[in-house]
């Protein structure tokens, strides 16, 4: 069974990227989200990215809190856009 998945893709301009994270419900609240998110930020830095952007479903408050903790700026609209300047 897949417990969680993290992905980071570079945009057309090599200075930015989009990040994504999925954690199966039964594996949430076990530290996987923070560990994988921190790793995505580090990989982005290592690859010379200046910014990572992610979209979060508005009702996903735990992910919004995690992004704030990692230094992302949140911009609310229909979905919440999280932007981290590296």
Protein backbone atom coordinates (compact mmCIF):
# COMPACT_ATOMS: atom_id res chain seq x y z
CA UNK A 1 0.00 0.00 0.00
CA UNK A 2 1.19 3.47 -0.87
CA UNK A 3 1.32 5.58 2.29
CA UNK A 4 2.32 8.93 0.86
CA UNK A 5 3.66 10.60 -2.24
CA UNK A 6 5.53 13.85 -2.80
CA UNK A 7 6.36 15.50 -6.11
CA UNK A 8 8.20 18.62 -7.20
CA UNK A 9 8.22 19.77 -10.81
CA UNK A 10 10.17 22.63 -12.30
CA UNK A 11 8.28 25.23 -14.27
CA UNK A 12 9.36 26.41 -17.72
CA UNK A 13 11.59 28.95 -16.01
CA UNK A 14 14.12 27.01 -13.90
CA UNK A 15 13.74 29.34 -10.93
CA UNK A 16 10.28 28.13 -9.90
CA UNK A 17 8.44 24.90 -9.31
CA UNK A 18 5.21 23.37 -8.14
CA UNK A 19 5.02 20.97 -5.23
CA UNK A 20 2.47 18.40 -4.26
CA UNK A 21 1.92 16.00 -1.39
CA UNK A 22 -0.54 13.21 -0.79
CA UNK A 23 -0.83 11.15 2.39
CA UNK A 24 -3.38 8.37 2.76
CA UNK A 25 -5.80 9.12 5.62
CA UNK A 26 -4.74 6.19 7.82
CA UNK A 27 -1.12 7.42 7.68
CA UNK A 28 -1.84 11.05 8.51
CA UNK A 29 -0.66 12.58 11.80
CA UNK A 30 2.48 10.41 11.84
CA UNK A 31 4.99 13.04 10.71
CA UNK A 32 5.08 12.07 7.03
CA UNK A 33 3.67 15.39 5.78
CA UNK A 34 6.23 17.57 7.56
CA UNK A 35 9.10 15.25 6.62
CA UNK A 36 8.17 15.08 2.93
CA UNK A 37 7.34 18.79 2.70
CA UNK A 38 10.67 19.75 4.27
CA UNK A 39 12.44 17.45 1.83
CA UNK A 40 10.63 19.04 -1.14
CA UNK A 41 11.79 22.48 0.00
CA UNK A 42 15.37 21.23 0.35
CA UNK A 43 15.33 19.59 -3.10
CA UNK A 44 14.02 22.85 -4.56
CA UNK A 45 16.89 24.76 -2.96
CA UNK A 46 19.42 22.19 -4.14
CA UNK A 47 18.12 22.55 -7.72
CA UNK A 48 18.39 26.32 -7.66
CA UNK A 49 14.70 27.09 -7.48
CA UNK A 50 13.76 30.48 -6.11
CA UNK A 51 10.10 29.70 -5.43
CA UNK A 52 7.77 26.74 -4.87
CA UNK A 53 4.02 27.09 -5.35
CA UNK A 54 1.30 24.68 -4.23
CA UNK A 55 -2.48 24.78 -4.24
CA UNK A 56 -4.34 23.56 -1.17
CA UNK A 57 -8.02 22.73 -0.87
CA UNK A 58 -9.54 25.45 1.30
CA UNK A 59 -10.85 23.04 3.96
CA UNK A 60 -7.43 21.37 4.39
CA UNK A 61 -6.44 23.45 7.41
CA UNK A 62 -3.74 21.02 8.65
CA UNK A 63 -1.84 21.44 5.36
CA UNK A 64 -2.27 25.21 5.52
CA UNK A 65 -0.78 25.19 9.05
CA UNK A 66 2.12 23.02 7.87
CA UNK A 67 2.84 25.35 4.94
CA UNK A 68 2.83 28.38 7.25
CA UNK A 69 5.22 26.57 9.60
CA UNK A 70 7.57 25.91 6.67
CA UNK A 71 7.53 29.59 5.70
CA UNK A 72 5.04 29.54 2.83
CA UNK A 73 2.88 32.63 2.29
CA UNK A 74 -0.79 31.72 1.86
CA UNK A 75 -3.05 33.55 -0.58
CA UNK A 76 -6.73 32.65 -0.32
CA UNK A 77 -9.10 32.50 -3.26
CA UNK A 78 -11.24 29.56 -4.38
CA UNK A 79 -8.30 27.41 -3.37
CA UNK A 80 -5.44 28.46 -1.14
CA UNK A 81 -2.19 29.14 -2.98
CA UNK A 82 0.94 28.58 -0.91
CA UNK A 83 4.15 30.25 -2.12
CA UNK A 84 7.60 29.71 -0.59
CA UNK A 85 10.50 31.92 -1.60
CA UNK A 86 13.73 29.96 -1.29
